């Protein structure tokens, strides 16, 4: 499923991570949201790093470090699979 949202473009490392997330069991799709230029996830975070912020209705909200700053992403999941997906993503992030 192609990524949808306001900003469909992202860096190479982020695209690779998004494809891995989309391939996880229980994930319906990934939607790219706002970009914040010049922001960072913090010391030691490289391009393609991901941090899950919270569980919301129908999925997970997260932020991803891109080359130019932060990008918000929404990971749409099947009902009740949010915890499983979050645990699957954490080791990669």
PDB file of N, CA and C in Angstrom:
ATOM      1  N   UNK A   1       0.847  -1.179   0.000  1.00  0.00           N
ATOM      2  CA  UNK A   1       0.000   0.000   0.000  1.00  0.00           C
ATOM      3  C   UNK A   1       0.886   1.233   0.000  1.00  0.00           C
ATOM      4  N   UNK A   2       0.653   2.169  -0.907  1.00  0.00           N
ATOM      5  CA  UNK A   2       1.494   3.367  -0.933  1.00  0.00           C
ATOM      6  C   UNK A   2       1.232   4.254   0.277  1.00  0.00           C
ATOM      7  N   UNK A   3       2.265   4.959   0.718  1.00  0.00           N
ATOM      8  CA  UNK A   3       2.120   5.886   1.831  1.00  0.00           C
ATOM      9  C   UNK A   3       1.248   7.048   1.393  1.00  0.00           C
ATOM     10  N   UNK A   4       0.403   7.507   2.307  1.00  0.00           N
ATOM     11  CA  UNK A   4      -0.489   8.618   2.009  1.00  0.00           C
ATOM     12  C   UNK A   4      -0.291   9.689   3.050  1.00  0.00           C
ATOM     13  N   UNK A   5      -0.751  10.861   2.745  1.00  0.00           N
ATOM     14  CA  UNK A   5      -0.686  11.933   3.715  1.00  0.00           C
ATOM     15  C   UNK A   5      -0.221  13.218   3.073  1.00  0.00           C
ATOM     16  N   UNK A   6      -0.029  14.198   3.906  1.00  0.00           N
ATOM     17  CA  UNK A   6       0.345  15.525   3.431  1.00  0.00           C
ATOM     18  C   UNK A   6       1.682  15.490   2.691  1.00  0.00           C
ATOM     19  N   UNK A   7       2.675  14.861   3.282  1.00  0.00           N
ATOM     20  CA  UNK A   7       4.008  14.792   2.680  1.00  0.00           C
ATOM     21  C   UNK A   7       4.302  13.341   2.344  1.00  0.00           C
ATOM     22  N   UNK A   8       4.323  13.018   1.080  1.00  0.00           N
ATOM     23  CA  UNK A   8       4.553  11.643   0.675  1.00  0.00           C
ATOM     24  C   UNK A   8       6.029  11.340   0.468  1.00  0.00           C
ATOM     25  N   UNK A   9       6.860  12.352   0.463  1.00  0.00           N
ATOM     26  CA  UNK A   9       8.275  12.123   0.237  1.00  0.00           C
ATOM     27  C   UNK A   9       9.018  12.081   1.566  1.00  0.00           C
ATOM     28  N   UNK A  10      10.068  11.301   1.601  1.00  0.00           N
ATOM     29  CA  UNK A  10      10.901  11.185   2.787  1.00  0.00           C
ATOM     30  C   UNK A  10      12.267  10.679   2.345  1.00  0.00           C
ATOM     31  N   UNK A  11      13.173  10.543   3.285  1.00  0.00           N
ATOM     32  CA  UNK A  11      14.530  10.112   2.937  1.00  0.00           C
ATOM     33  C   UNK A  11      14.581   8.601   2.684  1.00  0.00           C
ATOM     34  N   UNK A  12      15.673   8.147   2.104  1.00  0.00           N
ATOM     35  CA  UNK A  12      15.853   6.748   1.740  1.00  0.00           C
ATOM     36  C   UNK A  12      15.745   5.831   2.954  1.00  0.00           C
ATOM     37  N   UNK A  13      16.406   6.182   4.060  1.00  0.00           N
ATOM     38  CA  UNK A  13      16.381   5.358   5.262  1.00  0.00           C
ATOM     39  C   UNK A  13      14.969   5.252   5.822  1.00  0.00           C
ATOM     40  N   UNK A  14      14.235   6.347   5.760  1.00  0.00           N
ATOM     41  CA  UNK A  14      12.862   6.364   6.272  1.00  0.00           C
ATOM     42  C   UNK A  14      11.946   5.511   5.400  1.00  0.00           C
ATOM     43  N   UNK A  15      12.127   5.554   4.090  1.00  0.00           N
ATOM     44  CA  UNK A  15      11.317   4.721   3.196  1.00  0.00           C
ATOM     45  C   UNK A  15      11.528   3.249   3.494  1.00  0.00           C
ATOM     46  N   UNK A  16      12.770   2.861   3.767  1.00  0.00           N
ATOM     47  CA  UNK A  16      13.071   1.466   4.099  1.00  0.00           C
ATOM     48  C   UNK A  16      12.348   1.062   5.376  1.00  0.00           C
ATOM     49  N   UNK A  17      12.403   1.920   6.397  1.00  0.00           N
ATOM     50  CA  UNK A  17      11.729   1.644   7.666  1.00  0.00           C
ATOM     51  C   UNK A  17      10.215   1.560   7.470  1.00  0.00           C
ATOM     52  N   UNK A  18       9.643   2.459   6.675  1.00  0.00           N
ATOM     53  CA  UNK A  18       8.205   2.442   6.432  1.00  0.00           C
ATOM     54  C   UNK A  18       7.773   1.154   5.744  1.00  0.00           C
ATOM     55  N   UNK A  19       8.564   0.661   4.807  1.00  0.00           N
ATOM     56  CA  UNK A  19       8.233  -0.601   4.138  1.00  0.00           C
ATOM     57  C   UNK A  19       8.273  -1.765   5.112  1.00  0.00           C
ATOM     58  N   UNK A  20       9.248  -1.761   6.033  1.00  0.00           N
ATOM     59  CA  UNK A  20       9.312  -2.818   7.054  1.00  0.00           C
ATOM     60  C   UNK A  20       8.089  -2.778   7.961  1.00  0.00           C
ATOM     61  N   UNK A  21       7.678  -1.582   8.341  1.00  0.00           N
ATOM     62  CA  UNK A  21       6.505  -1.434   9.206  1.00  0.00           C
ATOM     63  C   UNK A  21       5.250  -1.906   8.478  1.00  0.00           C
ATOM     64  N   UNK A  22       5.096  -1.516   7.212  1.00  0.00           N
ATOM     65  CA  UNK A  22       3.927  -1.932   6.444  1.00  0.00           C
ATOM     66  C   UNK A  22       3.855  -3.444   6.276  1.00  0.00           C
ATOM     67  N   UNK A  23       4.991  -4.128   6.298  1.00  0.00           N
ATOM     68  CA  UNK A  23       5.027  -5.577   6.119  1.00  0.00           C
ATOM     69  C   UNK A  23       4.693  -6.345   7.404  1.00  0.00           C
ATOM     70  N   UNK A  24       4.630  -5.661   8.548  1.00  0.00           N
ATOM     71  CA  UNK A  24       4.335  -6.333   9.811  1.00  0.00           C
ATOM     72  C   UNK A  24       2.899  -6.841   9.843  1.00  0.00           C
ATOM     73  N   UNK A  25       2.705  -7.966  10.512  1.00  0.00           N
ATOM     74  CA  UNK A  25       1.367  -8.521  10.666  1.00  0.00           C
ATOM     75  C   UNK A  25       0.541  -7.598  11.560  1.00  0.00           C
ATOM     76  N   UNK A  26      -0.655  -7.281  11.132  1.00  0.00           N
ATOM     77  CA  UNK A  26      -1.531  -6.403  11.894  1.00  0.00           C
ATOM     78  C   UNK A  26      -1.510  -4.960  11.435  1.00  0.00           C
ATOM     79  N   UNK A  27      -0.581  -4.604  10.542  1.00  0.00           N
ATOM     80  CA  UNK A  27      -0.502  -3.228  10.035  1.00  0.00           C
ATOM     81  C   UNK A  27      -1.303  -3.124   8.739  1.00  0.00           C
ATOM     82  N   UNK A  28      -2.216  -2.157   8.700  1.00  0.00           N
ATOM     83  CA  UNK A  28      -3.033  -1.919   7.516  1.00  0.00           C
ATOM     84  C   UNK A  28      -2.312  -0.968   6.573  1.00  0.00           C
ATOM     85  N   UNK A  29      -1.662   0.059   7.115  1.00  0.00           N
ATOM     86  CA  UNK A  29      -0.950   1.026   6.297  1.00  0.00           C
ATOM     87  C   UNK A  29      -0.260   2.067   7.149  1.00  0.00           C
ATOM     88  N   UNK A  30       0.554   2.890   6.501  1.00  0.00           N
ATOM     89  CA  UNK A  30       1.293   3.961   7.181  1.00  0.00           C
ATOM     90  C   UNK A  30       0.970   5.271   6.463  1.00  0.00           C
ATOM     91  N   UNK A  31       0.627   6.281   7.245  1.00  0.00           N
ATOM     92  CA  UNK A  31       0.298   7.591   6.700  1.00  0.00           C
ATOM     93  C   UNK A  31       1.328   8.593   7.207  1.00  0.00           C
ATOM     94  N   UNK A  32       1.958   9.301   6.285  1.00  0.00           N
ATOM     95  CA  UNK A  32       2.957  10.299   6.638  1.00  0.00           C
ATOM     96  C   UNK A  32       2.240  11.615   6.906  1.00  0.00           C
ATOM     97  N   UNK A  33       2.583  12.258   8.022  1.00  0.00           N
ATOM     98  CA  UNK A  33       1.951  13.516   8.398  1.00  0.00           C
ATOM     99  C   UNK A  33       2.875  14.700   8.236  1.00  0.00           C
ATOM    100  N   UNK A  34       2.797  15.629   9.172  1.00  0.00           N
ATOM    101  CA  UNK A  34       3.577  16.863   9.113  1.00  0.00           C
ATOM    102  C   UNK A  34       5.070  16.612   9.247  1.00  0.00           C
ATOM    103  N   UNK A  35       5.823  17.528   8.684  1.00  0.00           N
ATOM    104  CA  UNK A  35       7.278  17.527   8.819  1.00  0.00           C
ATOM    105  C   UNK A  35       7.678  18.755   9.619  1.00  0.00           C
ATOM    106  N   UNK A  36       8.629  18.585  10.508  1.00  0.00           N
ATOM    107  CA  UNK A  36       9.156  19.689  11.307  1.00  0.00           C
ATOM    108  C   UNK A  36      10.641  19.815  11.003  1.00  0.00           C
ATOM    109  N   UNK A  37      11.010  20.757  10.194  1.00  0.00           N
ATOM    110  CA  UNK A  37      12.397  20.958   9.815  1.00  0.00           C
ATOM    111  C   UNK A  37      13.244  21.430  10.974  1.00  0.00           C
ATOM    112  N   UNK A  38      14.448  20.895  11.077  1.00  0.00           N
ATOM    113  CA  UNK A  38      15.400  21.332  12.080  1.00  0.00           C
ATOM    114  C   UNK A  38      15.202  20.722  13.450  1.00  0.00           C
ATOM    115  N   UNK A  39      14.187  19.896  13.634  1.00  0.00           N
ATOM    116  CA  UNK A  39      13.951  19.245  14.928  1.00  0.00           C
ATOM    117  C   UNK A  39      14.653  17.902  14.940  1.00  0.00           C
ATOM    118  N   UNK A  40      14.813  17.332  16.143  1.00  0.00           N
ATOM    119  CA  UNK A  40      15.511  16.058  16.275  1.00  0.00           C
ATOM    120  C   UNK A  40      14.851  15.210  17.356  1.00  0.00           C
ATOM    121  N   UNK A  41      15.014  13.882  17.239  1.00  0.00           N
ATOM    122  CA  UNK A  41      14.544  12.968  18.277  1.00  0.00           C
ATOM    123  C   UNK A  41      15.453  12.994  19.498  1.00  0.00           C
ATOM    124  N   UNK A  42      16.609  13.574  19.370  1.00  0.00           N
ATOM    125  CA  UNK A  42      17.529  13.665  20.490  1.00  0.00           C
ATOM    126  C   UNK A  42      18.893  13.123  20.139  1.00  0.00           C
ATOM    127  N   UNK A  43      19.789  13.233  21.094  1.00  0.00           N
ATOM    128  CA  UNK A  43      21.166  12.797  20.896  1.00  0.00           C
ATOM    129  C   UNK A  43      21.223  11.302  20.581  1.00  0.00           C
ATOM    130  N   UNK A  44      21.988  10.969  19.591  1.00  0.00           N
ATOM    131  CA  UNK A  44      22.180   9.567  19.228  1.00  0.00           C
ATOM    132  C   UNK A  44      21.143   9.015  18.266  1.00  0.00           C
ATOM    133  N   UNK A  45      20.209   9.826  17.814  1.00  0.00           N
ATOM    134  CA  UNK A  45      19.216   9.330  16.863  1.00  0.00           C
ATOM    135  C   UNK A  45      19.682   9.629  15.443  1.00  0.00           C
ATOM    136  N   UNK A  46      19.675   8.589  14.629  1.00  0.00           N
ATOM    137  CA  UNK A  46      20.119   8.720  13.240  1.00  0.00           C
ATOM    138  C   UNK A  46      18.910   8.823  12.321  1.00  0.00           C
ATOM    139  N   UNK A  47      19.144   9.157  11.070  1.00  0.00           N
ATOM    140  CA  UNK A  47      18.068   9.192  10.083  1.00  0.00           C
ATOM    141  C   UNK A  47      17.436   7.805  10.007  1.00  0.00           C
ATOM    142  N   UNK A  48      16.121   7.766  10.076  1.00  0.00           N
ATOM    143  CA  UNK A  48      15.402   6.496  10.065  1.00  0.00           C
ATOM    144  C   UNK A  48      15.034   6.003  11.453  1.00  0.00           C
ATOM    145  N   UNK A  49      15.408   6.747  12.503  1.00  0.00           N
ATOM    146  CA  UNK A  49      15.013   6.378  13.865  1.00  0.00           C
ATOM    147  C   UNK A  49      13.539   6.685  14.055  1.00  0.00           C
ATOM    148  N   UNK A  50      12.874   5.879  14.874  1.00  0.00           N
ATOM    149  CA  UNK A  50      11.454   6.042  15.092  1.00  0.00           C
ATOM    150  C   UNK A  50      11.144   5.973  16.572  1.00  0.00           C
ATOM    151  N   UNK A  51      10.216   6.803  17.027  1.00  0.00           N
ATOM    152  CA  UNK A  51       9.774   6.775  18.413  1.00  0.00           C
ATOM    153  C   UNK A  51       8.249   6.789  18.424  1.00  0.00           C
ATOM    154  N   UNK A  52       7.661   5.764  19.036  1.00  0.00           N
ATOM    155  CA  UNK A  52       6.209   5.707  19.160  1.00  0.00           C
ATOM    156  C   UNK A  52       5.801   6.652  20.279  1.00  0.00           C
ATOM    157  N   UNK A  53       4.851   7.528  19.996  1.00  0.00           N
ATOM    158  CA  UNK A  53       4.408   8.507  20.972  1.00  0.00           C
ATOM    159  C   UNK A  53       3.230   8.006  21.788  1.00  0.00           C
ATOM    160  N   UNK A  54       2.214   7.475  21.112  1.00  0.00           N
ATOM    161  CA  UNK A  54       1.033   7.037  21.841  1.00  0.00           C
ATOM    162  C   UNK A  54       0.163   6.139  20.968  1.00  0.00           C
ATOM    163  N   UNK A  55      -0.753   5.441  21.650  1.00  0.00           N
ATOM    164  CA  UNK A  55      -1.762   4.642  20.975  1.00  0.00           C
ATOM    165  C   UNK A  55      -3.004   5.505  20.812  1.00  0.00           C
ATOM    166  N   UNK A  56      -3.541   5.522  19.618  1.00  0.00           N
ATOM    167  CA  UNK A  56      -4.752   6.286  19.332  1.00  0.00           C
ATOM    168  C   UNK A  56      -5.774   5.354  18.687  1.00  0.00           C
ATOM    169  N   UNK A  57      -6.969   5.840  18.499  1.00  0.00           N
ATOM    170  CA  UNK A  57      -8.025   5.049  17.891  1.00  0.00           C
ATOM    171  C   UNK A  57      -7.588   4.519  16.523  1.00  0.00           C
ATOM    172  N   UNK A  58      -7.522   3.215  16.392  1.00  0.00           N
ATOM    173  CA  UNK A  58      -7.188   2.601  15.107  1.00  0.00           C
ATOM    174  C   UNK A  58      -5.720   2.454  14.792  1.00  0.00           C
ATOM    175  N   UNK A  59      -4.832   2.811  15.712  1.00  0.00           N
ATOM    176  CA  UNK A  59      -3.419   2.650  15.397  1.00  0.00           C
ATOM    177  C   UNK A  59      -2.482   3.326  16.374  1.00  0.00           C
ATOM    178  N   UNK A  60      -1.325   3.730  15.854  1.00  0.00           N
ATOM    179  CA  UNK A  60      -0.260   4.319  16.662  1.00  0.00           C
ATOM    180  C   UNK A  60       0.213   5.626  16.036  1.00  0.00           C
ATOM    181  N   UNK A  61       0.519   6.595  16.868  1.00  0.00           N
ATOM    182  CA  UNK A  61       1.147   7.840  16.420  1.00  0.00           C
ATOM    183  C   UNK A  61       2.626   7.728  16.751  1.00  0.00           C
ATOM    184  N   UNK A  62       3.472   8.155  15.815  1.00  0.00           N
ATOM    185  CA  UNK A  62       4.906   8.077  16.016  1.00  0.00           C
ATOM    186  C   UNK A  62       5.582   9.240  15.301  1.00  0.00           C
ATOM    187  N   UNK A  63       6.840   9.473  15.645  1.00  0.00           N
ATOM    188  CA  UNK A  63       7.661  10.443  14.925  1.00  0.00           C
ATOM    189  C   UNK A  63       8.914   9.730  14.423  1.00  0.00           C
ATOM    190  N   UNK A  64       9.374  10.165  13.272  1.00  0.00           N
ATOM    191  CA  UNK A  64      10.520   9.537  12.633  1.00  0.00           C
ATOM    192  C   UNK A  64      11.533  10.620  12.281  1.00  0.00           C
ATOM    193  N   UNK A  65      12.797  10.325  12.513  1.00  0.00           N
ATOM    194  CA  UNK A  65      13.876  11.259  12.179  1.00  0.00           C
ATOM    195  C   UNK A  65      14.203  11.122  10.702  1.00  0.00           C
ATOM    196  N   UNK A  66      14.034  12.217   9.954  1.00  0.00           N
ATOM    197  CA  UNK A  66      14.406  12.226   8.542  1.00  0.00           C
ATOM    198  C   UNK A  66      15.665  13.081   8.382  1.00  0.00           C
ATOM    199  N   UNK A  67      16.127  13.217   7.162  1.00  0.00           N
ATOM    200  CA  UNK A  67      17.342  14.000   6.911  1.00  0.00           C
ATOM    201  C   UNK A  67      17.160  15.470   7.277  1.00  0.00           C
ATOM    202  N   UNK A  68      15.948  15.980   7.096  1.00  0.00           N
ATOM    203  CA  UNK A  68      15.710  17.405   7.297  1.00  0.00           C
ATOM    204  C   UNK A  68      15.046  17.750   8.620  1.00  0.00           C
ATOM    205  N   UNK A  69      14.654  16.754   9.408  1.00  0.00           N
ATOM    206  CA  UNK A  69      13.984  17.023  10.677  1.00  0.00           C
ATOM    207  C   UNK A  69      13.109  15.856  11.093  1.00  0.00           C
ATOM    208  N   UNK A  70      11.988  16.151  11.732  1.00  0.00           N
ATOM    209  CA  UNK A  70      11.059  15.125  12.183  1.00  0.00           C
ATOM    210  C   UNK A  70       9.872  15.028  11.243  1.00  0.00           C
ATOM    211  N   UNK A  71       9.345  13.809  11.105  1.00  0.00           N
ATOM    212  CA  UNK A  71       8.117  13.589  10.367  1.00  0.00           C
ATOM    213  C   UNK A  71       7.170  12.811  11.265  1.00  0.00           C
ATOM    214  N   UNK A  72       5.930  13.273  11.346  1.00  0.00           N
ATOM    215  CA  UNK A  72       4.915  12.530  12.078  1.00  0.00           C
ATOM    216  C   UNK A  72       4.425  11.407  11.175  1.00  0.00           C
ATOM    217  N   UNK A  73       4.155  10.240  11.767  1.00  0.00           N
ATOM    218  CA  UNK A  73       3.543   9.162  11.004  1.00  0.00           C
ATOM    219  C   UNK A  73       2.428   8.541  11.836  1.00  0.00           C
ATOM    220  N   UNK A  74       1.453   8.015  11.149  1.00  0.00           N
ATOM    221  CA  UNK A  74       0.342   7.318  11.765  1.00  0.00           C
ATOM    222  C   UNK A  74       0.378   5.901  11.225  1.00  0.00           C
ATOM    223  N   UNK A  75       0.473   4.930  12.111  1.00  0.00           N
ATOM    224  CA  UNK A  75       0.519   3.519  11.728  1.00  0.00           C
ATOM    225  C   UNK A  75      -0.873   2.948  11.966  1.00  0.00           C
ATOM    226  N   UNK A  76      -1.591   2.671  10.897  1.00  0.00           N
ATOM    227  CA  UNK A  76      -2.948   2.131  10.995  1.00  0.00           C
ATOM    228  C   UNK A  76      -2.863   0.637  11.217  1.00  0.00           C
ATOM    229  N   UNK A  77      -3.521   0.147  12.274  1.00  0.00           N
ATOM    230  CA  UNK A  77      -3.453  -1.269  12.629  1.00  0.00           C
ATOM    231  C   UNK A  77      -4.849  -1.879  12.674  1.00  0.00           C
ATOM    232  N   UNK A  78      -4.882  -3.195  12.680  1.00  0.00           N
ATOM    233  CA  UNK A  78      -6.139  -3.902  12.902  1.00  0.00           C
ATOM    234  C   UNK A  78      -6.547  -3.695  14.352  1.00  0.00           C
ATOM    235  N   UNK A  79      -7.827  -3.803  14.632  1.00  0.00           N
ATOM    236  CA  UNK A  79      -8.345  -3.592  15.986  1.00  0.00           C
ATOM    237  C   UNK A  79      -7.699  -4.570  16.974  1.00  0.00           C
ATOM    238  N   UNK A  80      -7.162  -4.034  18.055  1.00  0.00           N
ATOM    239  CA  UNK A  80      -6.555  -4.856  19.104  1.00  0.00           C
ATOM    240  C   UNK A  80      -5.116  -5.271  18.850  1.00  0.00           C
ATOM    241  N   UNK A  81      -4.529  -4.864  17.759  1.00  0.00           N
ATOM    242  CA  UNK A  81      -3.158  -5.259  17.417  1.00  0.00           C
ATOM    243  C   UNK A  81      -2.133  -4.167  17.717  1.00  0.00           C
ATOM    244  N   UNK A  82      -2.548  -3.062  18.326  1.00  0.00           N
ATOM    245  CA  UNK A  82      -1.656  -1.934  18.557  1.00  0.00           C
ATOM    246  C   UNK A  82      -0.439  -2.316  19.394  1.00  0.00           C
ATOM    247  N   UNK A  83      -0.664  -3.047  20.493  1.00  0.00           N
ATOM    248  CA  UNK A  83       0.434  -3.432  21.387  1.00  0.00           C
ATOM    249  C   UNK A  83       1.432  -4.354  20.678  1.00  0.00           C
ATOM    250  N   UNK A  84       0.928  -5.325  19.928  1.00  0.00           N
ATOM    251  CA  UNK A  84       1.801  -6.260  19.200  1.00  0.00           C
ATOM    252  C   UNK A  84       2.673  -5.515  18.184  1.00  0.00           C
ATOM    253  N   UNK A  85       2.060  -4.617  17.456  1.00  0.00           N
ATOM    254  CA  UNK A  85       2.791  -3.859  16.442  1.00  0.00           C
ATOM    255  C   UNK A  85       3.849  -2.976  17.114  1.00  0.00           C
ATOM    256  N   UNK A  86       3.478  -2.316  18.212  1.00  0.00           N
ATOM    257  CA  UNK A  86       4.428  -1.454  18.924  1.00  0.00           C
ATOM    258  C   UNK A  86       5.626  -2.253  19.415  1.00  0.00           C
ATOM    259  N   UNK A  87       5.401  -3.441  19.932  1.00  0.00           N
ATOM    260  CA  UNK A  87       6.500  -4.290  20.407  1.00  0.00           C
ATOM    261  C   UNK A  87       7.374  -4.767  19.251  1.00  0.00           C
ATOM    262  N   UNK A  88       6.761  -5.004  18.091  1.00  0.00           N
ATOM    263  CA  UNK A  88       7.525  -5.431  16.909  1.00  0.00           C
ATOM    264  C   UNK A  88       8.403  -4.314  16.370  1.00  0.00           C
ATOM    265  N   UNK A  89       7.944  -3.076  16.501  1.00  0.00           N
ATOM    266  CA  UNK A  89       8.679  -1.929  15.969  1.00  0.00           C
ATOM    267  C   UNK A  89       9.815  -1.517  16.884  1.00  0.00           C
ATOM    268  N   UNK A  90       9.630  -1.570  18.172  1.00  0.00           N
ATOM    269  CA  UNK A  90      10.618  -1.074  19.140  1.00  0.00           C
ATOM    270  C   UNK A  90      12.047  -1.590  18.920  1.00  0.00           C
ATOM    271  N   UNK A  91      12.281  -2.890  18.720  1.00  0.00           N
ATOM    272  CA  UNK A  91      13.668  -3.341  18.502  1.00  0.00           C
ATOM    273  C   UNK A  91      14.310  -2.724  17.269  1.00  0.00           C
ATOM    274  N   UNK A  92      13.497  -2.457  16.222  1.00  0.00           N
ATOM    275  CA  UNK A  92      14.031  -1.870  14.989  1.00  0.00           C
ATOM    276  C   UNK A  92      14.358  -0.404  15.180  1.00  0.00           C
ATOM    277  N   UNK A  93      13.591   0.271  15.991  1.00  0.00           N
ATOM    278  CA  UNK A  93      13.736   1.716  16.136  1.00  0.00           C
ATOM    279  C   UNK A  93      14.923   2.081  16.985  1.00  0.00           C
TER     280      UNK A  93
END
